N, C-alpha and C. Protein backbone atom coordinates (compact mmCIF):
# COMPACT_ATOMS: atom_id res chain seq x y z
N MET A 1 1.87 -171.75 -119.09
CA MET A 1 1.93 -170.41 -118.74
C MET A 1 3.21 -170.28 -117.90
N PRO A 2 3.41 -171.11 -116.68
CA PRO A 2 4.60 -170.98 -115.87
C PRO A 2 5.90 -171.10 -116.68
N CYS A 3 5.85 -171.99 -117.66
CA CYS A 3 7.08 -172.19 -118.56
C CYS A 3 7.38 -170.81 -119.35
N ALA A 4 6.45 -170.21 -119.83
CA ALA A 4 6.63 -168.91 -120.61
C ALA A 4 7.26 -167.83 -119.65
N VAL A 5 6.71 -167.76 -118.42
CA VAL A 5 7.14 -166.69 -117.54
C VAL A 5 8.74 -167.07 -117.15
N GLN A 6 8.97 -168.28 -116.90
CA GLN A 6 10.35 -168.74 -116.57
C GLN A 6 11.23 -168.41 -117.85
N GLY A 7 10.90 -168.69 -119.07
CA GLY A 7 11.58 -168.39 -120.29
C GLY A 7 11.79 -166.84 -120.36
N GLY A 8 10.77 -166.09 -119.99
CA GLY A 8 10.94 -164.70 -120.15
C GLY A 8 11.91 -164.01 -119.06
N LEU A 9 11.89 -164.60 -117.80
CA LEU A 9 12.79 -164.26 -116.89
C LEU A 9 14.30 -164.60 -117.30
N MET A 10 14.40 -165.70 -117.90
CA MET A 10 15.68 -166.07 -118.36
C MET A 10 16.24 -165.16 -119.38
N ALA A 11 15.42 -164.71 -120.35
CA ALA A 11 15.81 -163.79 -121.48
C ALA A 11 16.13 -162.45 -120.72
N VAL A 12 15.25 -161.95 -119.82
CA VAL A 12 15.72 -160.73 -119.12
C VAL A 12 16.97 -160.87 -118.47
N MET A 13 17.33 -162.01 -117.73
CA MET A 13 18.58 -162.08 -117.17
C MET A 13 19.73 -162.03 -118.12
N MET A 14 19.51 -162.69 -119.25
CA MET A 14 20.54 -162.72 -120.27
C MET A 14 20.83 -161.28 -120.76
N LEU A 15 19.76 -160.60 -121.02
CA LEU A 15 19.98 -159.02 -121.45
C LEU A 15 20.65 -158.33 -120.38
N VAL A 16 20.23 -158.46 -119.10
CA VAL A 16 21.00 -157.67 -118.04
C VAL A 16 22.42 -158.12 -118.09
N MET A 17 22.74 -159.44 -118.13
CA MET A 17 24.20 -159.89 -118.23
C MET A 17 24.99 -159.15 -119.36
N TYR A 18 24.30 -159.18 -120.38
CA TYR A 18 24.96 -158.55 -121.67
C TYR A 18 25.33 -157.14 -121.33
N PHE A 19 24.31 -156.22 -120.91
CA PHE A 19 24.52 -154.81 -120.73
C PHE A 19 25.44 -154.58 -119.44
N VAL A 20 25.50 -155.47 -118.63
CA VAL A 20 26.30 -155.21 -117.42
C VAL A 20 27.65 -155.68 -117.38
N MET A 21 27.88 -156.83 -118.22
CA MET A 21 29.24 -157.43 -118.07
C MET A 21 29.85 -157.58 -119.55
N ILE A 22 29.26 -158.03 -120.48
CA ILE A 22 29.74 -158.36 -121.71
C ILE A 22 30.07 -157.07 -122.58
N ARG A 23 29.09 -156.24 -122.66
CA ARG A 23 29.23 -154.97 -123.55
C ARG A 23 30.35 -154.01 -122.96
N PRO A 24 30.44 -153.76 -121.80
CA PRO A 24 31.54 -152.86 -121.22
C PRO A 24 32.91 -153.59 -121.44
N GLU A 25 33.04 -154.74 -121.24
CA GLU A 25 34.27 -155.47 -121.60
C GLU A 25 34.71 -155.41 -123.02
N ASN A 26 33.75 -155.62 -123.95
CA ASN A 26 34.03 -155.48 -125.39
C ASN A 26 34.45 -154.07 -125.70
N LYS A 27 33.87 -153.02 -125.06
CA LYS A 27 34.21 -151.68 -125.28
C LYS A 27 35.61 -151.33 -124.84
N ARG A 28 36.02 -151.95 -123.65
CA ARG A 28 37.35 -151.69 -123.14
C ARG A 28 38.39 -152.43 -124.11
N ARG A 29 38.15 -153.63 -124.56
CA ARG A 29 38.96 -154.36 -125.35
C ARG A 29 39.28 -153.57 -126.70
N GLN A 30 38.16 -153.06 -127.24
CA GLN A 30 38.19 -152.25 -128.57
C GLN A 30 39.05 -150.96 -128.37
N GLU A 31 38.82 -150.30 -127.17
CA GLU A 31 39.68 -149.07 -127.00
C GLU A 31 41.05 -149.43 -126.82
N ALA A 32 41.40 -150.53 -126.11
CA ALA A 32 42.81 -150.99 -126.05
C ALA A 32 43.34 -151.28 -127.50
N GLU A 33 42.65 -151.97 -128.28
CA GLU A 33 43.17 -152.37 -129.63
C GLU A 33 43.42 -151.11 -130.48
N ASP A 34 42.51 -150.13 -130.28
CA ASP A 34 42.70 -148.85 -131.05
C ASP A 34 43.86 -148.12 -130.61
N MET A 35 44.05 -148.24 -129.33
CA MET A 35 45.43 -147.60 -128.66
C MET A 35 46.62 -148.18 -129.29
N LEU A 36 46.62 -149.49 -129.27
CA LEU A 36 47.82 -150.31 -129.71
C LEU A 36 48.13 -149.99 -131.30
N LYS A 37 47.04 -149.70 -132.03
CA LYS A 37 47.23 -149.57 -133.43
C LYS A 37 47.60 -148.11 -133.69
N SER A 38 47.40 -147.21 -132.70
CA SER A 38 47.75 -145.78 -132.95
C SER A 38 49.17 -145.53 -132.48
N LEU A 39 49.91 -146.44 -131.92
CA LEU A 39 51.17 -146.23 -131.45
C LEU A 39 52.20 -145.94 -132.57
N ARG A 40 52.96 -144.76 -132.25
CA ARG A 40 53.90 -144.23 -133.33
C ARG A 40 55.30 -143.98 -132.71
N LYS A 41 56.22 -143.95 -133.45
CA LYS A 41 57.67 -143.61 -133.07
C LYS A 41 57.51 -142.26 -132.36
N GLY A 42 58.17 -142.20 -131.25
CA GLY A 42 58.28 -140.92 -130.57
C GLY A 42 57.15 -140.72 -129.37
N ALA A 43 56.23 -141.58 -129.33
CA ALA A 43 55.15 -141.46 -128.32
C ALA A 43 55.73 -141.95 -126.98
N LYS A 44 55.31 -141.27 -125.91
CA LYS A 44 55.69 -141.67 -124.56
C LYS A 44 54.59 -142.58 -124.06
N VAL A 45 55.00 -143.74 -123.66
CA VAL A 45 54.05 -144.90 -123.28
C VAL A 45 54.44 -145.47 -121.84
N ARG A 46 53.46 -146.16 -121.22
CA ARG A 46 53.59 -146.85 -119.98
C ARG A 46 53.42 -148.22 -120.29
N THR A 47 54.15 -149.04 -119.65
CA THR A 47 53.99 -150.59 -119.87
C THR A 47 53.17 -151.23 -118.64
N THR A 48 52.77 -152.47 -118.76
CA THR A 48 52.07 -153.18 -117.67
C THR A 48 52.96 -153.14 -116.41
N GLY A 49 54.26 -153.06 -116.49
CA GLY A 49 55.08 -153.13 -115.27
C GLY A 49 55.45 -151.67 -114.77
N GLY A 50 54.75 -150.72 -115.30
CA GLY A 50 55.00 -149.33 -114.93
C GLY A 50 56.07 -148.56 -115.46
N ILE A 51 56.79 -149.19 -116.49
CA ILE A 51 57.95 -148.48 -116.99
C ILE A 51 57.37 -147.36 -118.04
N LEU A 52 57.97 -146.23 -117.90
CA LEU A 52 57.69 -145.12 -118.78
C LEU A 52 58.86 -145.03 -119.72
N GLY A 53 58.54 -144.84 -120.89
CA GLY A 53 59.52 -144.72 -121.96
C GLY A 53 59.02 -144.16 -123.41
N GLU A 54 59.94 -143.72 -124.18
CA GLU A 54 59.67 -143.19 -125.48
C GLU A 54 59.95 -144.28 -126.53
N ILE A 55 58.99 -144.46 -127.59
CA ILE A 55 59.15 -145.47 -128.55
C ILE A 55 60.16 -145.03 -129.42
N LEU A 56 61.18 -145.86 -129.70
CA LEU A 56 62.28 -145.66 -130.64
C LEU A 56 61.90 -146.23 -132.04
N SER A 57 61.49 -147.53 -131.86
CA SER A 57 61.01 -148.20 -133.06
C SER A 57 59.81 -149.22 -132.61
N ILE A 58 59.02 -149.55 -133.60
CA ILE A 58 57.96 -150.33 -133.22
C ILE A 58 57.60 -151.20 -134.58
N ASP A 59 57.16 -152.49 -134.34
CA ASP A 59 56.72 -153.35 -135.41
C ASP A 59 55.42 -153.94 -134.88
N GLU A 60 55.00 -154.90 -135.56
CA GLU A 60 53.65 -155.54 -135.25
C GLU A 60 53.65 -156.45 -134.00
N ARG A 61 54.84 -156.68 -133.46
CA ARG A 61 55.01 -157.62 -132.25
C ARG A 61 55.66 -156.94 -131.18
N GLU A 62 56.78 -156.11 -131.47
CA GLU A 62 57.62 -155.57 -130.35
C GLU A 62 57.73 -154.02 -130.55
N ALA A 63 58.12 -153.45 -129.50
CA ALA A 63 58.45 -152.02 -129.50
C ALA A 63 59.80 -151.81 -128.66
N VAL A 64 60.67 -150.89 -129.08
CA VAL A 64 61.87 -150.52 -128.40
C VAL A 64 61.57 -149.30 -127.69
N LEU A 65 61.76 -149.19 -126.40
CA LEU A 65 61.54 -148.11 -125.67
C LEU A 65 62.86 -147.58 -125.17
N GLN A 66 63.00 -146.26 -125.10
CA GLN A 66 64.18 -145.59 -124.43
C GLN A 66 63.61 -145.13 -123.14
N VAL A 67 64.21 -145.70 -121.94
CA VAL A 67 63.77 -145.42 -120.61
C VAL A 67 64.62 -144.36 -119.98
N ALA A 68 65.91 -144.30 -120.43
CA ALA A 68 66.91 -143.34 -119.82
C ALA A 68 68.08 -143.12 -120.82
N ASP A 69 68.95 -142.26 -120.42
CA ASP A 69 70.08 -142.16 -121.49
C ASP A 69 70.73 -143.51 -121.58
N LYS A 70 70.82 -143.82 -122.85
CA LYS A 70 71.59 -145.16 -123.25
C LYS A 70 70.93 -146.43 -122.73
N VAL A 71 69.76 -146.35 -122.20
CA VAL A 71 68.94 -147.55 -121.80
C VAL A 71 67.69 -147.81 -122.56
N LYS A 72 67.80 -148.79 -123.39
CA LYS A 72 66.82 -149.18 -124.14
C LYS A 72 66.21 -150.65 -123.79
N ILE A 73 64.94 -150.76 -123.85
CA ILE A 73 64.36 -152.14 -123.64
C ILE A 73 63.47 -152.56 -124.66
N ASN A 74 63.31 -153.77 -125.01
CA ASN A 74 62.31 -154.26 -125.96
C ASN A 74 61.17 -154.88 -125.12
N VAL A 75 59.89 -154.39 -125.40
CA VAL A 75 58.69 -154.86 -124.86
C VAL A 75 57.72 -155.45 -125.87
N LEU A 76 56.91 -156.34 -125.48
CA LEU A 76 55.87 -156.87 -126.34
C LEU A 76 54.82 -155.70 -126.47
N ARG A 77 54.43 -155.42 -127.80
CA ARG A 77 53.38 -154.38 -128.04
C ARG A 77 52.21 -154.60 -127.12
N GLY A 78 51.70 -155.73 -126.95
CA GLY A 78 50.56 -155.94 -126.01
C GLY A 78 50.72 -155.56 -124.64
N ASN A 79 52.04 -155.39 -124.18
CA ASN A 79 52.26 -154.96 -122.73
C ASN A 79 52.27 -153.43 -122.52
N ILE A 80 51.99 -152.65 -123.67
CA ILE A 80 51.79 -151.29 -123.44
C ILE A 80 50.46 -150.96 -123.19
N VAL A 81 50.19 -150.35 -122.11
CA VAL A 81 48.81 -150.00 -121.47
C VAL A 81 48.33 -148.65 -121.80
N GLY A 82 49.15 -147.81 -122.06
CA GLY A 82 48.68 -146.26 -122.19
C GLY A 82 49.67 -145.47 -122.84
N ILE A 83 49.14 -144.44 -123.47
CA ILE A 83 50.09 -143.38 -124.03
C ILE A 83 50.00 -142.21 -122.97
N GLU A 84 51.25 -141.87 -122.53
CA GLU A 84 51.34 -140.76 -121.55
C GLU A 84 51.06 -139.40 -122.14
N GLY A 85 50.52 -138.55 -121.28
CA GLY A 85 50.36 -137.06 -121.77
C GLY A 85 49.05 -136.95 -122.52
N VAL A 86 48.24 -138.00 -122.76
CA VAL A 86 46.93 -137.74 -123.43
C VAL A 86 45.98 -138.36 -122.36
N LYS A 87 45.17 -137.24 -121.80
CA LYS A 87 44.29 -137.72 -120.72
C LYS A 87 42.86 -137.06 -121.07
N PRO A 88 41.92 -137.89 -120.93
CA PRO A 88 40.46 -137.35 -121.38
C PRO A 88 40.09 -135.91 -120.61
N GLU A 89 40.54 -136.00 -119.35
CA GLU A 89 40.21 -134.78 -118.45
C GLU A 89 40.80 -133.52 -118.96
N ALA A 90 42.11 -133.71 -119.53
CA ALA A 90 42.77 -132.51 -120.05
C ALA A 90 42.16 -132.08 -121.37
N LYS A 91 41.55 -132.92 -122.05
CA LYS A 91 40.67 -132.34 -123.26
C LYS A 91 39.55 -131.63 -122.96
N LYS A 92 38.81 -132.09 -121.86
CA LYS A 92 37.62 -131.50 -121.32
C LYS A 92 38.04 -130.01 -120.66
N ALA A 93 39.21 -129.91 -119.96
CA ALA A 93 39.70 -128.72 -119.45
C ALA A 93 40.07 -127.75 -120.57
N ASP A 94 40.67 -128.25 -121.64
CA ASP A 94 41.04 -127.36 -122.77
C ASP A 94 39.76 -126.79 -123.53
N GLU A 95 38.70 -127.49 -123.50
CA GLU A 95 37.50 -127.08 -124.24
C GLU A 95 37.01 -125.85 -123.31
N SER A 96 37.08 -125.87 -122.09
CA SER A 96 36.47 -124.81 -121.24
C SER A 96 37.41 -123.52 -121.31
N LYS A 97 38.59 -123.75 -121.50
CA LYS A 97 39.63 -122.54 -121.37
C LYS A 97 39.27 -121.43 -122.24
N PRO A 98 39.01 -121.71 -123.60
CA PRO A 98 38.65 -120.61 -124.50
C PRO A 98 37.48 -119.72 -123.99
N ALA A 99 36.46 -120.33 -123.43
CA ALA A 99 35.34 -119.55 -122.95
C ALA A 99 35.72 -118.77 -121.73
N GLU A 100 36.59 -119.38 -120.88
CA GLU A 100 37.08 -118.58 -119.74
C GLU A 100 37.93 -117.38 -120.16
N LYS A 101 38.78 -117.55 -121.12
CA LYS A 101 39.61 -116.64 -121.65
C LYS A 101 38.90 -115.46 -122.38
N ALA A 102 37.79 -115.79 -123.06
CA ALA A 102 36.99 -114.72 -123.66
C ALA A 102 36.22 -114.01 -122.58
N ALA A 103 35.83 -114.59 -121.58
CA ALA A 103 35.17 -113.94 -120.38
C ALA A 103 36.15 -112.95 -119.65
N GLU A 104 37.38 -113.43 -119.51
CA GLU A 104 38.45 -112.69 -118.95
C GLU A 104 38.67 -111.32 -119.79
N LYS A 105 38.84 -111.53 -121.12
CA LYS A 105 39.14 -110.45 -122.00
C LYS A 105 37.96 -109.43 -121.98
N ALA A 106 36.67 -109.95 -121.91
CA ALA A 106 35.51 -109.05 -121.89
C ALA A 106 35.59 -108.23 -120.52
N ALA A 107 35.99 -108.83 -119.46
CA ALA A 107 35.93 -108.21 -118.17
C ALA A 107 37.14 -107.13 -118.21
N GLU A 108 38.23 -107.29 -118.91
CA GLU A 108 39.34 -106.47 -118.97
C GLU A 108 38.97 -105.27 -119.80
N LYS A 109 38.15 -105.31 -120.92
CA LYS A 109 37.84 -104.37 -121.66
C LYS A 109 36.74 -103.30 -120.94
N SER A 110 36.03 -103.78 -120.05
CA SER A 110 35.14 -102.90 -119.39
C SER A 110 35.55 -102.39 -118.21
């Protein structure tokens, strides 16, 4: 009996570790891979070093960024950490704006 309880506790601990540590990390990794796959010419991106630039060309390994007039740099595709100008908060704010605009129009009519 004590061996079964100990085995059950071990299984519960493994489940907790999976849901607290492993699953969120896998989700973050998948989101990063999806972002890297979606990179296109003309997108504004930020690198791990904090450099902001526009993609001039991109291949499976490297990207050429224009960071200023006549200043181009090559970076490894894996060092791009985010696309600038696309924020989850902005999407939520845009969703609420049409409702607010409709309420404002209704208030103006009356």
